Amino acid sequence: MSNSLPKEGFCRLSQIIGSKSAPGPLPVSRSTLWLWIRQGRFPAGIKLGERVRVWPVSEIREIIANAAEKENASDD
């Protein structure tokens, strides 16, 4: 798991995907993440305001763990 995520609580998009200079624990582009949300492949998060959305850290950690398990399974 990445240390850039808080231990508990909520995280913002920038904490999940990071930036070009410092990729986050889920290294995908902003547009890819929004596509996954529209497709139902990623949770929509909680809308706090017109331009603010957060995700429970526990959900993000679970998604990252599941992706790692799938990656390891495909290597076998």
C-alpha atoms as a PDB file:
ATOM      1  CA  MET A   1       0.000   0.000   0.000  1.00  0.00           C
ATOM      2  CA  SER A   2       1.126   3.493  -0.639  1.00  0.00           C
ATOM      3  CA  ASN A   3       2.174   5.826   2.145  1.00  0.00           C
ATOM      4  CA  SER A   4       0.620   8.772   0.304  1.00  0.00           C
ATOM      5  CA  LEU A   5      -2.842   7.701   1.435  1.00  0.00           C
ATOM      6  CA  PRO A   6      -3.948   8.603   4.951  1.00  0.00           C
ATOM      7  CA  LYS A   7      -4.378   5.701   7.362  1.00  0.00           C
ATOM      8  CA  GLU A   8      -8.123   6.300   7.589  1.00  0.00           C
ATOM      9  CA  GLY A   9     -10.746   8.816   6.612  1.00  0.00           C
ATOM     10  CA  PHE A  10     -11.150  10.217   3.134  1.00  0.00           C
ATOM     11  CA  CYS A  11      -8.864  11.156   0.262  1.00  0.00           C
ATOM     12  CA  ARG A  12      -9.147  13.488  -2.684  1.00  0.00           C
ATOM     13  CA  LEU A  13      -8.522  12.625  -6.329  1.00  0.00           C
ATOM     14  CA  SER A  14      -4.988  14.032  -6.290  1.00  0.00           C
ATOM     15  CA  GLN A  15      -4.073  11.667  -3.433  1.00  0.00           C
ATOM     16  CA  ILE A  16      -5.349   8.697  -5.436  1.00  0.00           C
ATOM     17  CA  ILE A  17      -3.844   9.323  -8.875  1.00  0.00           C
ATOM     18  CA  GLY A  18      -1.036  11.732  -7.983  1.00  0.00           C
ATOM     19  CA  SER A  19       0.538  13.955 -10.630  1.00  0.00           C
ATOM     20  CA  LYS A  20       2.900  13.578 -13.584  1.00  0.00           C
ATOM     21  CA  SER A  21       5.915  14.255 -11.381  1.00  0.00           C
ATOM     22  CA  ALA A  22       4.733  12.094  -8.467  1.00  0.00           C
ATOM     23  CA  PRO A  23       2.346   9.280  -9.418  1.00  0.00           C
ATOM     24  CA  GLY A  24      -0.131   8.180  -6.774  1.00  0.00           C
ATOM     25  CA  PRO A  25      -0.987   4.691  -5.581  1.00  0.00           C
ATOM     26  CA  LEU A  26      -3.350   4.260  -8.546  1.00  0.00           C
ATOM     27  CA  PRO A  27      -1.231   5.539 -11.469  1.00  0.00           C
ATOM     28  CA  VAL A  28      -3.939   6.326 -14.031  1.00  0.00           C
ATOM     29  CA  SER A  29      -4.939   9.589 -15.641  1.00  0.00           C
ATOM     30  CA  ARG A  30      -7.769  11.758 -14.378  1.00  0.00           C
ATOM     31  CA  SER A  31      -9.775  11.021 -17.539  1.00  0.00           C
ATOM     32  CA  THR A  32      -9.306   7.258 -17.120  1.00  0.00           C
ATOM     33  CA  LEU A  33     -10.522   7.417 -13.546  1.00  0.00           C
ATOM     34  CA  TRP A  34     -13.648   9.383 -14.544  1.00  0.00           C
ATOM     35  CA  LEU A  35     -14.273   6.874 -17.350  1.00  0.00           C
ATOM     36  CA  TRP A  36     -14.065   4.022 -14.834  1.00  0.00           C
ATOM     37  CA  ILE A  37     -16.539   5.852 -12.591  1.00  0.00           C
ATOM     38  CA  ARG A  38     -18.995   6.235 -15.485  1.00  0.00           C
ATOM     39  CA  GLN A  39     -18.542   2.546 -16.337  1.00  0.00           C
ATOM     40  CA  GLY A  40     -19.086   1.496 -12.726  1.00  0.00           C
ATOM     41  CA  ARG A  41     -15.551   0.077 -12.411  1.00  0.00           C
ATOM     42  CA  PHE A  42     -14.595   2.603  -9.694  1.00  0.00           C
ATOM     43  CA  PRO A  43     -16.764   4.029  -6.899  1.00  0.00           C
ATOM     44  CA  ALA A  44     -18.212   7.484  -7.492  1.00  0.00           C
ATOM     45  CA  GLY A  45     -17.099   8.761  -4.117  1.00  0.00           C
ATOM     46  CA  ILE A  46     -18.899  11.272  -1.940  1.00  0.00           C
ATOM     47  CA  LYS A  47     -19.660  14.698  -3.318  1.00  0.00           C
ATOM     48  CA  LEU A  48     -18.981  17.327  -0.642  1.00  0.00           C
ATOM     49  CA  GLY A  49     -19.534  20.367  -2.810  1.00  0.00           C
ATOM     50  CA  GLU A  50     -19.901  21.505  -6.379  1.00  0.00           C
ATOM     51  CA  ARG A  51     -16.235  20.776  -7.137  1.00  0.00           C
ATOM     52  CA  VAL A  52     -15.185  18.577  -4.225  1.00  0.00           C
ATOM     53  CA  ARG A  53     -15.396  14.793  -4.151  1.00  0.00           C
ATOM     54  CA  VAL A  54     -13.752  12.394  -1.692  1.00  0.00           C
ATOM     55  CA  TRP A  55     -13.370   8.635  -1.414  1.00  0.00           C
ATOM     56  CA  PRO A  56     -13.106   6.525   1.747  1.00  0.00           C
ATOM     57  CA  VAL A  57      -9.492   5.441   2.113  1.00  0.00           C
ATOM     58  CA  SER A  58     -10.645   1.921   2.965  1.00  0.00           C
ATOM     59  CA  GLU A  59     -12.336   1.616  -0.480  1.00  0.00           C
ATOM     60  CA  ILE A  60      -9.228   2.852  -2.298  1.00  0.00           C
ATOM     61  CA  ARG A  61      -6.960   0.454  -0.409  1.00  0.00           C
ATOM     62  CA  GLU A  62      -9.328  -2.414  -1.247  1.00  0.00           C
ATOM     63  CA  ILE A  63      -9.328  -1.496  -4.957  1.00  0.00           C
ATOM     64  CA  ILE A  64      -5.526  -1.346  -5.021  1.00  0.00           C
ATOM     65  CA  ALA A  65      -5.247  -4.698  -3.194  1.00  0.00           C
ATOM     66  CA  ASN A  66      -7.710  -6.348  -5.590  1.00  0.00           C
ATOM     67  CA  ALA A  67      -5.808  -4.990  -8.602  1.00  0.00           C
ATOM     68  CA  ALA A  68      -2.552  -6.354  -7.177  1.00  0.00           C
ATOM     69  CA  GLU A  69      -4.143  -9.768  -6.604  1.00  0.00           C
ATOM     70  CA  LYS A  70      -5.417  -9.860 -10.196  1.00  0.00           C
ATOM     71  CA  GLU A  71      -1.973  -8.854 -11.469  1.00  0.00           C
ATOM     72  CA  ASN A  72      -0.302 -11.599  -9.433  1.00  0.00           C
ATOM     73  CA  ALA A  73      -2.882 -14.175 -10.572  1.00  0.00           C
ATOM     74  CA  SER A  74      -2.260 -13.344 -14.222  1.00  0.00           C
ATOM     75  CA  ASP A  75       1.500 -13.806 -13.740  1.00  0.00           C
ATOM     76  CA  ASP A  76       1.024 -17.436 -12.632  1.00  0.00           C
END
